[in-house]
C-alpha cells in the first residue's frame, strides 16, 4: 500500500490506483469529514425529534431516559477533560498550590461551554476540520508545501470534541437505538395468529 506523500496517515491509492496527493486527501480526509458532519446532523435531529415525540405521546419516562442517553456522553467527556487539565493547572509534586491565571479560567469556561452547547460545538469542530482539510487539498494542488504543512498541522490538532464523538457512539447511539426498538416492539398491538390468515 502506498501512503500519501504529504499525510503519511492516509493511503495514496484509491482502489489500488495511485492518485495525486490532492485527490488522496480529498477522498480520505475531506469527504469523510463532510460525511461525518451530515451523519451527526441527521442523528441529532432524529434523536431530538424522537424525544419530542415520546413526550408528546405521554411516554415521559422513555423520553427522559433517551434525553439522559443524549447528554451522558457530553457529561462524561467533560469530566475526563477537566480531569486532565493543561500543564499550567496541574499540581506540582513539591507543593499543593495552584496559581490560576485568566487563561486557565478561560480554558475551563470554554470546556463547560462546549459541554452545554455540545451540538453547536461539534458542528463547529466539523466545520473547522473541513476548512483546514480543504485548505490542505488546495495547497497541495498548487504545490505550496509550506502552506499545506501548516494547514495539516492545524487540521490534526486534537480537540476534546473527538472524545465526545467517541463516547457518543457507545453511550448514546447504540443504547438509544436499542431502547427505541424495544419501545416500538412493546407499544405495537399484537394481533392473534388466526388474524394473519
N, C-alpha and C. Protein backbone atom coordinates (compact mmCIF):
# COMPACT_ATOMS: atom_id res chain seq x y z
N UNK A 1 0.84 -1.18 0.00
CA UNK A 1 0.00 0.00 0.00
C UNK A 1 0.88 1.24 0.00
N UNK A 2 0.57 2.15 -0.86
CA UNK A 2 1.30 3.40 -0.96
C UNK A 2 0.65 4.43 -0.05
N UNK A 3 1.47 5.18 0.70
CA UNK A 3 0.92 6.23 1.55
C UNK A 3 1.02 7.57 0.83
N UNK A 4 0.19 8.49 1.24
CA UNK A 4 0.20 9.84 0.68
C UNK A 4 1.51 10.53 1.07
N UNK A 5 2.12 11.25 0.15
CA UNK A 5 3.41 11.88 0.45
C UNK A 5 3.29 12.98 1.50
N UNK A 6 2.17 13.69 1.52
CA UNK A 6 2.01 14.81 2.44
C UNK A 6 1.48 14.35 3.80
N UNK A 7 0.52 13.46 3.79
CA UNK A 7 -0.09 12.96 5.02
C UNK A 7 0.16 11.45 5.09
N UNK A 8 1.12 11.05 5.90
CA UNK A 8 1.53 9.64 5.95
C UNK A 8 0.49 8.74 6.61
N UNK A 9 -0.55 9.32 7.19
CA UNK A 9 -1.58 8.51 7.86
C UNK A 9 -2.65 8.01 6.91
N UNK A 10 -2.68 8.49 5.68
CA UNK A 10 -3.70 8.06 4.73
C UNK A 10 -3.05 7.38 3.54
N UNK A 11 -3.84 6.61 2.86
CA UNK A 11 -3.36 5.89 1.69
C UNK A 11 -3.22 6.84 0.50
N UNK A 12 -2.26 6.56 -0.34
CA UNK A 12 -2.07 7.32 -1.57
C UNK A 12 -2.74 6.65 -2.74
N UNK A 13 -3.58 5.65 -2.46
CA UNK A 13 -4.26 4.89 -3.51
C UNK A 13 -5.76 4.96 -3.32
N UNK A 14 -6.45 4.77 -4.43
CA UNK A 14 -7.90 4.60 -4.42
C UNK A 14 -8.18 3.37 -5.26
N UNK A 15 -8.70 2.32 -4.63
CA UNK A 15 -8.98 1.03 -5.28
C UNK A 15 -7.74 0.47 -5.98
N UNK A 16 -6.58 0.66 -5.36
CA UNK A 16 -5.33 0.12 -5.90
C UNK A 16 -4.63 1.02 -6.90
N UNK A 17 -5.24 2.10 -7.29
CA UNK A 17 -4.64 3.03 -8.25
C UNK A 17 -3.97 4.17 -7.50
N UNK A 18 -2.72 4.46 -7.81
CA UNK A 18 -2.01 5.58 -7.19
C UNK A 18 -2.60 6.88 -7.72
N UNK A 19 -2.90 7.79 -6.82
CA UNK A 19 -3.53 9.06 -7.18
C UNK A 19 -2.65 10.20 -6.70
N UNK A 20 -2.83 11.39 -7.28
CA UNK A 20 -2.08 12.56 -6.78
C UNK A 20 -2.44 12.86 -5.32
N UNK A 21 -1.57 13.61 -4.68
CA UNK A 21 -1.73 13.92 -3.26
C UNK A 21 -3.07 14.60 -2.98
N UNK A 22 -3.43 15.56 -3.79
CA UNK A 22 -4.66 16.30 -3.52
C UNK A 22 -5.89 15.41 -3.64
N UNK A 23 -5.87 14.45 -4.56
CA UNK A 23 -7.01 13.54 -4.68
C UNK A 23 -7.09 12.59 -3.49
N UNK A 24 -5.93 12.12 -3.04
CA UNK A 24 -5.91 11.23 -1.88
C UNK A 24 -6.44 11.97 -0.64
N UNK A 25 -6.03 13.21 -0.47
CA UNK A 25 -6.51 13.99 0.68
C UNK A 25 -7.99 14.31 0.55
N UNK A 26 -8.44 14.56 -0.66
CA UNK A 26 -9.86 14.85 -0.87
C UNK A 26 -10.72 13.64 -0.51
N UNK A 27 -10.29 12.47 -0.97
CA UNK A 27 -11.07 11.26 -0.73
C UNK A 27 -10.95 10.75 0.70
N UNK A 28 -9.77 10.84 1.29
CA UNK A 28 -9.54 10.25 2.60
C UNK A 28 -9.69 11.22 3.76
N UNK A 29 -9.75 12.51 3.50
CA UNK A 29 -9.87 13.48 4.60
C UNK A 29 -11.10 14.38 4.46
N UNK A 30 -11.28 15.02 3.29
CA UNK A 30 -12.38 15.98 3.15
C UNK A 30 -13.73 15.27 3.12
N UNK A 31 -13.87 14.26 2.28
CA UNK A 31 -15.15 13.58 2.16
C UNK A 31 -15.59 12.89 3.46
N UNK A 32 -14.69 12.21 4.20
CA UNK A 32 -15.14 11.67 5.49
C UNK A 32 -15.55 12.73 6.50
N UNK A 33 -14.89 13.88 6.48
CA UNK A 33 -15.30 14.97 7.40
C UNK A 33 -16.68 15.49 7.02
N UNK A 34 -16.93 15.66 5.73
CA UNK A 34 -18.25 16.12 5.28
C UNK A 34 -19.32 15.07 5.61
N UNK A 35 -18.99 13.80 5.38
CA UNK A 35 -19.93 12.72 5.71
C UNK A 35 -20.19 12.64 7.21
N UNK A 36 -19.16 12.84 8.02
CA UNK A 36 -19.34 12.83 9.47
C UNK A 36 -20.25 13.96 9.94
N UNK A 37 -20.10 15.13 9.33
CA UNK A 37 -20.97 16.25 9.68
C UNK A 37 -22.42 15.96 9.33
N UNK A 38 -22.66 15.45 8.14
CA UNK A 38 -24.04 15.14 7.72
C UNK A 38 -24.63 14.05 8.61
N UNK A 39 -23.85 13.03 8.89
CA UNK A 39 -24.33 11.94 9.75
C UNK A 39 -24.64 12.44 11.15
N UNK A 40 -23.79 13.30 11.70
CA UNK A 40 -24.04 13.85 13.03
C UNK A 40 -25.32 14.67 13.06
N UNK A 41 -25.51 15.50 12.04
CA UNK A 41 -26.73 16.32 11.98
C UNK A 41 -27.97 15.45 11.90
N UNK A 42 -27.94 14.41 11.07
CA UNK A 42 -29.09 13.52 10.93
C UNK A 42 -29.37 12.80 12.24
N UNK A 43 -28.34 12.27 12.88
CA UNK A 43 -28.53 11.55 14.15
C UNK A 43 -29.12 12.46 15.21
N UNK A 44 -28.56 13.65 15.37
CA UNK A 44 -29.05 14.54 16.42
C UNK A 44 -30.48 15.03 16.13
N UNK A 45 -30.77 15.35 14.88
CA UNK A 45 -32.13 15.79 14.55
C UNK A 45 -33.15 14.68 14.81
N UNK A 46 -32.85 13.46 14.39
CA UNK A 46 -33.76 12.35 14.65
C UNK A 46 -33.89 12.06 16.13
N UNK A 47 -32.80 12.12 16.87
CA UNK A 47 -32.86 11.80 18.29
C UNK A 47 -33.67 12.83 19.06
N UNK A 48 -33.46 14.11 18.79
CA UNK A 48 -34.25 15.14 19.48
C UNK A 48 -35.71 15.09 19.05
N UNK A 49 -35.98 14.77 17.78
CA UNK A 49 -37.37 14.64 17.32
C UNK A 49 -38.05 13.46 18.00
N UNK A 50 -37.31 12.38 18.18
CA UNK A 50 -37.89 11.21 18.84
C UNK A 50 -38.17 11.49 20.31
N UNK A 51 -37.30 12.23 20.98
CA UNK A 51 -37.56 12.62 22.38
C UNK A 51 -38.83 13.47 22.44
N UNK A 52 -38.96 14.40 21.51
CA UNK A 52 -40.16 15.25 21.48
C UNK A 52 -41.41 14.40 21.25
N UNK A 53 -41.34 13.43 20.35
CA UNK A 53 -42.49 12.57 20.08
C UNK A 53 -42.85 11.72 21.30
N UNK A 54 -41.85 11.22 22.02
CA UNK A 54 -42.13 10.45 23.23
C UNK A 54 -42.84 11.32 24.26
N UNK A 55 -42.38 12.56 24.45
CA UNK A 55 -43.06 13.46 25.38
C UNK A 55 -44.47 13.77 24.92
N UNK A 56 -44.64 13.98 23.63
CA UNK A 56 -45.96 14.31 23.09
C UNK A 56 -46.93 13.15 23.23
N UNK A 57 -46.44 11.92 23.13
CA UNK A 57 -47.30 10.74 23.24
C UNK A 57 -47.50 10.28 24.68
N UNK A 58 -46.95 11.02 25.63
CA UNK A 58 -47.16 10.70 27.04
C UNK A 58 -46.19 9.69 27.60
N UNK A 59 -45.17 9.32 26.86
CA UNK A 59 -44.16 8.37 27.36
C UNK A 59 -43.01 9.16 27.98
N UNK A 60 -43.29 9.79 29.10
CA UNK A 60 -42.32 10.69 29.73
C UNK A 60 -41.08 9.96 30.24
N UNK A 61 -41.24 8.74 30.74
CA UNK A 61 -40.09 8.00 31.26
C UNK A 61 -39.13 7.63 30.13
N UNK A 62 -39.67 7.16 29.01
CA UNK A 62 -38.82 6.80 27.87
C UNK A 62 -38.14 8.05 27.31
N UNK A 63 -38.89 9.15 27.24
CA UNK A 63 -38.32 10.40 26.72
C UNK A 63 -37.20 10.90 27.63
N UNK A 64 -37.41 10.85 28.92
CA UNK A 64 -36.38 11.30 29.86
C UNK A 64 -35.14 10.42 29.78
N UNK A 65 -35.35 9.10 29.66
CA UNK A 65 -34.22 8.18 29.55
C UNK A 65 -33.44 8.44 28.26
N UNK A 66 -34.16 8.68 27.17
CA UNK A 66 -33.48 8.98 25.90
C UNK A 66 -32.72 10.29 25.98
N UNK A 67 -33.28 11.27 26.67
CA UNK A 67 -32.59 12.55 26.85
C UNK A 67 -31.33 12.37 27.70
N UNK A 68 -31.39 11.51 28.70
CA UNK A 68 -30.21 11.21 29.50
C UNK A 68 -29.14 10.54 28.63
N UNK A 69 -29.55 9.64 27.74
CA UNK A 69 -28.60 8.99 26.84
C UNK A 69 -27.94 9.99 25.89
N UNK A 70 -28.66 11.05 25.52
CA UNK A 70 -28.09 12.07 24.65
C UNK A 70 -27.05 12.90 25.40
N UNK A 71 -27.33 13.22 26.65
CA UNK A 71 -26.48 14.12 27.43
C UNK A 71 -25.33 13.39 28.13
N UNK A 72 -25.47 12.11 28.39
CA UNK A 72 -24.47 11.36 29.14
C UNK A 72 -23.06 11.39 28.52
N UNK A 73 -22.90 11.20 27.21
CA UNK A 73 -21.53 11.27 26.66
C UNK A 73 -20.89 12.64 26.84
N UNK A 74 -21.69 13.69 26.79
CA UNK A 74 -21.16 15.04 27.00
C UNK A 74 -20.67 15.20 28.42
N UNK A 75 -21.45 14.72 29.37
CA UNK A 75 -21.07 14.84 30.78
C UNK A 75 -19.80 14.05 31.07
N UNK A 76 -19.71 12.83 30.56
CA UNK A 76 -18.53 12.01 30.78
C UNK A 76 -17.31 12.64 30.11
N UNK A 77 -17.50 13.15 28.92
CA UNK A 77 -16.41 13.82 28.20
C UNK A 77 -15.92 15.05 28.97
N UNK A 78 -16.84 15.81 29.54
CA UNK A 78 -16.46 16.99 30.33
C UNK A 78 -15.67 16.58 31.57
N UNK A 79 -16.11 15.52 32.23
CA UNK A 79 -15.40 15.05 33.43
C UNK A 79 -13.98 14.62 33.08
N UNK A 80 -13.83 13.84 31.99
CA UNK A 80 -12.49 13.40 31.59
C UNK A 80 -11.62 14.57 31.15
N UNK A 81 -12.21 15.54 30.49
CA UNK A 81 -11.45 16.70 30.02
C UNK A 81 -10.98 17.54 31.20
N UNK A 82 -11.86 17.79 32.16
CA UNK A 82 -11.47 18.58 33.32
C UNK A 82 -10.54 17.80 34.24
N UNK A 83 -10.57 16.48 34.18
CA UNK A 83 -9.67 15.66 35.00
C UNK A 83 -8.25 15.64 34.45
N UNK A 84 -8.09 16.00 33.18
CA UNK A 84 -6.75 16.07 32.60
C UNK A 84 -6.52 17.48 32.05
N UNK A 85 -6.31 18.44 32.96
CA UNK A 85 -6.18 19.85 32.55
C UNK A 85 -4.82 20.11 31.89
N UNK A 86 -4.67 21.30 31.33
CA UNK A 86 -3.36 21.65 30.77
C UNK A 86 -2.30 21.73 31.86
N UNK A 87 -1.06 21.78 31.44
CA UNK A 87 0.07 21.73 32.39
C UNK A 87 0.04 22.85 33.42
N UNK A 88 -0.49 24.00 33.06
CA UNK A 88 -0.49 25.13 34.00
C UNK A 88 -1.45 24.91 35.16
N UNK A 89 -2.43 24.02 35.01
CA UNK A 89 -3.38 23.74 36.09
C UNK A 89 -3.04 22.49 36.89
N UNK A 90 -2.00 21.78 36.52
CA UNK A 90 -1.65 20.56 37.24
C UNK A 90 -0.81 20.90 38.47
N UNK A 91 -0.98 20.06 39.48
CA UNK A 91 -0.29 20.29 40.76
C UNK A 91 1.15 19.83 40.64
N UNK A 92 2.05 20.66 41.14
CA UNK A 92 3.46 20.30 41.19
C UNK A 92 3.66 19.30 42.32
N UNK A 93 4.57 18.36 42.15
CA UNK A 93 4.80 17.32 43.15
C UNK A 93 5.30 17.85 44.48
N UNK A 94 6.01 18.99 44.48
CA UNK A 94 6.59 19.50 45.73
C UNK A 94 5.62 20.37 46.51
N UNK A 95 4.62 20.92 45.85
CA UNK A 95 3.66 21.77 46.57
C UNK A 95 2.25 21.42 46.12
N UNK A 96 1.30 21.80 46.96
CA UNK A 96 -0.09 21.52 46.66
C UNK A 96 -0.86 22.80 46.36
N UNK A 97 -0.17 23.76 45.80
CA UNK A 97 -0.84 25.02 45.47
C UNK A 97 -0.89 25.18 43.95
N UNK A 98 -1.96 25.80 43.50
CA UNK A 98 -2.15 26.05 42.08
C UNK A 98 -2.37 27.54 41.91
N UNK A 99 -1.65 28.12 40.98
CA UNK A 99 -1.86 29.52 40.63
C UNK A 99 -2.73 29.56 39.38
N UNK A 100 -3.96 29.98 39.56
CA UNK A 100 -4.90 30.02 38.44
C UNK A 100 -4.79 31.38 37.76
N UNK A 101 -4.52 31.34 36.47
CA UNK A 101 -4.44 32.57 35.68
C UNK A 101 -5.72 32.73 34.88
N UNK A 102 -5.84 33.87 34.23
CA UNK A 102 -7.03 34.16 33.43
C UNK A 102 -7.15 33.17 32.27
N UNK A 103 -6.01 32.76 31.71
CA UNK A 103 -6.02 31.80 30.60
C UNK A 103 -6.60 30.46 31.05
N UNK A 104 -6.27 30.06 32.28
CA UNK A 104 -6.78 28.80 32.81
C UNK A 104 -8.29 28.87 33.05
N UNK A 105 -8.76 29.98 33.56
CA UNK A 105 -10.20 30.16 33.76
C UNK A 105 -10.94 30.15 32.43
N UNK A 106 -10.33 30.76 31.43
CA UNK A 106 -10.95 30.77 30.09
C UNK A 106 -11.00 29.36 29.51
N UNK A 107 -9.97 28.53 29.77
CA UNK A 107 -9.97 27.16 29.29
C UNK A 107 -11.10 26.36 29.95
N UNK A 108 -11.27 26.53 31.26
CA UNK A 108 -12.33 25.82 31.97
C UNK A 108 -13.70 26.27 31.47
N UNK A 109 -13.88 27.58 31.31
CA UNK A 109 -15.16 28.09 30.80
C UNK A 109 -15.43 27.61 29.37
N UNK A 110 -14.38 27.52 28.57
CA UNK A 110 -14.55 27.03 27.19
C UNK A 110 -14.98 25.57 27.19
N UNK A 111 -14.42 24.76 28.09
CA UNK A 111 -14.82 23.35 28.15
C UNK A 111 -16.26 23.20 28.63
N UNK A 112 -16.65 24.02 29.58
CA UNK A 112 -18.04 23.97 30.07
C UNK A 112 -18.99 24.45 28.97
N UNK A 113 -18.60 25.50 28.25
CA UNK A 113 -19.44 26.00 27.15
C UNK A 113 -19.58 24.96 26.04
N UNK A 114 -18.49 24.25 25.74
CA UNK A 114 -18.57 23.17 24.74
C UNK A 114 -19.52 22.07 25.19
N UNK A 115 -19.55 21.80 26.50
CA UNK A 115 -20.44 20.77 27.02
C UNK A 115 -21.89 21.22 26.99
N UNK A 116 -22.14 22.47 27.32
CA UNK A 116 -23.51 22.97 27.35
C UNK A 116 -24.07 23.08 25.93
N UNK A 117 -23.27 23.59 25.02
CA UNK A 117 -23.71 23.77 23.63
C UNK A 117 -23.07 22.69 22.75
N UNK A 118 -23.17 21.43 23.18
CA UNK A 118 -22.42 20.37 22.51
C UNK A 118 -22.79 20.15 21.05
N UNK A 119 -24.06 20.28 20.62
CA UNK A 119 -24.29 20.10 19.18
C UNK A 119 -23.63 21.20 18.34
N UNK A 120 -23.67 22.42 18.84
CA UNK A 120 -23.07 23.53 18.09
C UNK A 120 -21.54 23.40 18.10
N UNK A 121 -20.98 22.98 19.23
CA UNK A 121 -19.52 22.80 19.31
C UNK A 121 -19.06 21.69 18.37
N UNK A 122 -19.84 20.63 18.26
CA UNK A 122 -19.48 19.53 17.36
C UNK A 122 -19.58 19.95 15.91
N UNK A 123 -20.61 20.68 15.57
CA UNK A 123 -20.74 21.20 14.20
C UNK A 123 -19.58 22.15 13.90
N UNK A 124 -19.21 22.97 14.88
CA UNK A 124 -18.07 23.86 14.70
C UNK A 124 -16.76 23.09 14.50
N UNK A 125 -16.61 21.99 15.21
CA UNK A 125 -15.39 21.17 15.03
C UNK A 125 -15.35 20.56 13.63
N UNK A 126 -16.48 20.04 13.17
CA UNK A 126 -16.51 19.50 11.81
C UNK A 126 -16.23 20.60 10.78
N UNK A 127 -16.80 21.79 10.97
CA UNK A 127 -16.55 22.90 10.05
C UNK A 127 -15.07 23.29 10.05
N UNK A 128 -14.47 23.30 11.23
CA UNK A 128 -13.04 23.58 11.36
C UNK A 128 -12.21 22.57 10.57
N UNK A 129 -12.52 21.28 10.77
CA UNK A 129 -11.79 20.22 10.06
C UNK A 129 -11.97 20.32 8.55
N UNK A 130 -13.20 20.54 8.12
CA UNK A 130 -13.46 20.64 6.68
C UNK A 130 -12.70 21.81 6.08
N UNK A 131 -12.69 22.94 6.77
CA UNK A 131 -11.98 24.11 6.27
C UNK A 131 -10.50 23.82 6.08
N UNK A 132 -9.86 23.26 7.12
CA UNK A 132 -8.42 23.03 7.04
C UNK A 132 -8.06 21.89 6.11
N UNK A 133 -8.90 20.85 6.01
CA UNK A 133 -8.61 19.79 5.04
C UNK A 133 -8.74 20.30 3.62
N UNK A 134 -9.73 21.15 3.36
CA UNK A 134 -9.87 21.74 2.03
C UNK A 134 -8.67 22.64 1.73
N UNK A 135 -8.20 23.36 2.74
CA UNK A 135 -7.01 24.19 2.55
C UNK A 135 -5.78 23.34 2.22
N UNK A 136 -5.65 22.17 2.88
CA UNK A 136 -4.55 21.26 2.56
C UNK A 136 -4.67 20.77 1.13
N UNK A 137 -5.88 20.44 0.70
CA UNK A 137 -6.09 19.96 -0.68
C UNK A 137 -5.68 21.04 -1.68
N UNK A 138 -6.14 22.26 -1.47
CA UNK A 138 -5.80 23.33 -2.42
C UNK A 138 -4.32 23.69 -2.38
N UNK A 139 -3.72 23.65 -1.19
CA UNK A 139 -2.28 23.93 -1.09
C UNK A 139 -1.46 22.85 -1.79
N UNK A 140 -1.88 21.60 -1.67
CA UNK A 140 -1.16 20.53 -2.37
C UNK A 140 -1.42 20.58 -3.87
N UNK A 141 -2.58 21.04 -4.27
CA UNK A 141 -2.89 21.20 -5.69
C UNK A 141 -2.02 22.30 -6.31
N UNK A 142 -1.75 23.36 -5.54
CA UNK A 142 -0.90 24.45 -6.00
C UNK A 142 0.57 24.20 -5.69
N UNK A 143 0.88 23.05 -5.09
CA UNK A 143 2.23 22.64 -4.72
C UNK A 143 2.91 23.64 -3.78
N UNK A 144 2.13 24.18 -2.87
CA UNK A 144 2.63 25.08 -1.82
C UNK A 144 2.83 24.24 -0.56
N UNK A 145 4.00 23.65 -0.40
CA UNK A 145 4.23 22.70 0.69
C UNK A 145 4.22 23.35 2.07
N UNK A 146 4.70 24.58 2.17
CA UNK A 146 4.70 25.24 3.48
C UNK A 146 3.27 25.48 3.97
N UNK A 147 2.43 25.99 3.10
CA UNK A 147 1.03 26.23 3.46
C UNK A 147 0.32 24.91 3.74
N UNK A 148 0.62 23.88 2.96
CA UNK A 148 -0.01 22.58 3.16
C UNK A 148 0.38 21.98 4.50
N UNK A 149 1.65 22.09 4.87
CA UNK A 149 2.09 21.54 6.16
C UNK A 149 1.50 22.31 7.33
N UNK A 150 1.38 23.62 7.18
CA UNK A 150 0.77 24.43 8.25
C UNK A 150 -0.71 24.07 8.41
N UNK A 151 -1.42 23.95 7.29
CA UNK A 151 -2.83 23.58 7.36
C UNK A 151 -3.00 22.16 7.88
N UNK A 152 -2.09 21.28 7.52
CA UNK A 152 -2.14 19.90 8.00
C UNK A 152 -1.95 19.84 9.51
N UNK A 153 -1.03 20.65 10.03
CA UNK A 153 -0.82 20.71 11.47
C UNK A 153 -2.06 21.21 12.20
N UNK A 154 -2.72 22.23 11.63
CA UNK A 154 -3.93 22.77 12.25
C UNK A 154 -5.09 21.76 12.17
N UNK A 155 -5.18 21.04 11.06
CA UNK A 155 -6.27 20.07 10.92
C UNK A 155 -6.08 18.88 11.86
N UNK A 156 -4.85 18.53 12.15
CA UNK A 156 -4.58 17.39 13.03
C UNK A 156 -4.58 17.76 14.50
N UNK A 157 -4.73 19.03 14.83
CA UNK A 157 -4.71 19.45 16.23
C UNK A 157 -5.82 18.75 17.00
N UNK A 158 -5.49 18.18 18.15
CA UNK A 158 -6.51 17.43 18.90
C UNK A 158 -7.55 18.36 19.50
N UNK A 159 -8.72 17.80 19.74
CA UNK A 159 -9.82 18.54 20.34
C UNK A 159 -10.57 17.62 21.29
N UNK A 160 -11.18 18.21 22.30
CA UNK A 160 -11.97 17.41 23.24
C UNK A 160 -13.25 16.90 22.60
N UNK A 161 -13.64 17.47 21.48
CA UNK A 161 -14.85 17.03 20.79
C UNK A 161 -14.68 15.59 20.29
N UNK A 162 -13.46 15.20 19.95
CA UNK A 162 -13.24 13.83 19.48
C UNK A 162 -13.57 12.80 20.57
N UNK A 163 -13.27 13.14 21.82
CA UNK A 163 -13.63 12.25 22.92
C UNK A 163 -15.14 12.14 23.02
N UNK A 164 -15.84 13.25 22.89
CA UNK A 164 -17.31 13.23 22.92
C UNK A 164 -17.85 12.36 21.78
N UNK A 165 -17.32 12.52 20.57
CA UNK A 165 -17.81 11.73 19.43
C UNK A 165 -17.54 10.25 19.62
N UNK A 166 -16.41 9.90 20.23
CA UNK A 166 -16.12 8.50 20.52
C UNK A 166 -17.13 7.95 21.53
N UNK A 167 -17.36 8.69 22.60
CA UNK A 167 -18.29 8.23 23.62
C UNK A 167 -19.73 8.21 23.11
N UNK A 168 -20.06 9.10 22.19
CA UNK A 168 -21.41 9.17 21.66
C UNK A 168 -21.80 7.87 20.97
N UNK A 169 -20.87 7.26 20.28
CA UNK A 169 -21.18 6.03 19.56
C UNK A 169 -21.57 4.90 20.51
N UNK A 170 -20.93 4.81 21.66
CA UNK A 170 -21.16 3.69 22.56
C UNK A 170 -22.18 3.98 23.65
N UNK A 171 -22.21 5.22 24.12
CA UNK A 171 -23.08 5.54 25.25
C UNK A 171 -24.41 6.13 24.79
N UNK A 172 -24.42 6.78 23.64
CA UNK A 172 -25.63 7.43 23.17
C UNK A 172 -26.30 6.63 22.05
N UNK A 173 -25.63 6.45 20.95
CA UNK A 173 -26.28 5.92 19.76
C UNK A 173 -26.73 4.47 19.90
N UNK A 174 -25.86 3.59 20.35
CA UNK A 174 -26.23 2.18 20.44
C UNK A 174 -27.34 1.93 21.47
N UNK A 175 -27.23 2.40 22.72
CA UNK A 175 -28.34 2.19 23.66
C UNK A 175 -29.62 2.90 23.23
N UNK A 176 -29.48 4.06 22.60
CA UNK A 176 -30.64 4.82 22.14
C UNK A 176 -31.43 4.01 21.12
N UNK A 177 -30.72 3.39 20.20
CA UNK A 177 -31.39 2.57 19.19
C UNK A 177 -32.07 1.37 19.83
N UNK A 178 -31.40 0.73 20.78
CA UNK A 178 -31.98 -0.45 21.43
C UNK A 178 -33.24 -0.07 22.22
N UNK A 179 -33.18 1.03 22.96
CA UNK A 179 -34.34 1.47 23.74
C UNK A 179 -35.52 1.76 22.83
N UNK A 180 -35.27 2.43 21.72
CA UNK A 180 -36.38 2.78 20.84
C UNK A 180 -36.92 1.58 20.06
N UNK A 181 -36.08 0.62 19.74
CA UNK A 181 -36.57 -0.61 19.11
C UNK A 181 -37.45 -1.38 20.08
N UNK A 182 -37.00 -1.50 21.33
CA UNK A 182 -37.81 -2.18 22.34
C UNK A 182 -39.12 -1.45 22.58
N UNK A 183 -39.08 -0.12 22.59
CA UNK A 183 -40.30 0.66 22.77
C UNK A 183 -41.28 0.41 21.62
N UNK A 184 -40.76 0.36 20.40
CA UNK A 184 -41.64 0.09 19.26
C UNK A 184 -42.23 -1.32 19.34
N UNK A 185 -41.44 -2.29 19.77
CA UNK A 185 -41.93 -3.67 19.85
C UNK A 185 -43.03 -3.81 20.90
N UNK A 186 -42.85 -3.18 22.06
CA UNK A 186 -43.82 -3.35 23.12
C UNK A 186 -45.04 -2.44 22.97
N UNK A 187 -44.92 -1.38 22.22
CA UNK A 187 -46.07 -0.49 22.07
C UNK A 187 -46.95 -0.87 20.89
N UNK A 188 -46.47 -1.73 20.00
CA UNK A 188 -47.31 -2.15 18.88
C UNK A 188 -48.34 -3.15 19.38
N UNK A 189 -49.51 -3.09 18.82
CA UNK A 189 -50.57 -4.01 19.23
C UNK A 189 -50.33 -5.35 18.56
N UNK A 190 -50.35 -6.39 19.36
CA UNK A 190 -50.12 -7.72 18.82
C UNK A 190 -51.44 -8.30 18.32
N UNK A 191 -51.37 -8.83 17.12
CA UNK A 191 -52.54 -9.46 16.54
C UNK A 191 -52.50 -10.96 16.82
N UNK A 192 -53.64 -11.56 17.03
CA UNK A 192 -53.64 -13.02 17.23
C UNK A 192 -53.22 -13.73 15.95
N UNK A 193 -52.72 -14.94 16.10
CA UNK A 193 -52.23 -15.69 14.94
C UNK A 193 -53.32 -15.99 13.93
N UNK A 194 -54.56 -16.22 14.39
CA UNK A 194 -55.64 -16.57 13.46
C UNK A 194 -56.00 -15.37 12.59
N UNK A 195 -55.64 -14.15 13.04
CA UNK A 195 -55.96 -12.94 12.27
C UNK A 195 -55.06 -12.77 11.05
N UNK A 196 -53.92 -13.47 11.01
CA UNK A 196 -52.97 -13.33 9.91
C UNK A 196 -53.38 -14.15 8.69
N UNK A 197 -54.35 -15.04 8.80
CA UNK A 197 -54.75 -15.86 7.64
C UNK A 197 -55.50 -15.09 6.61
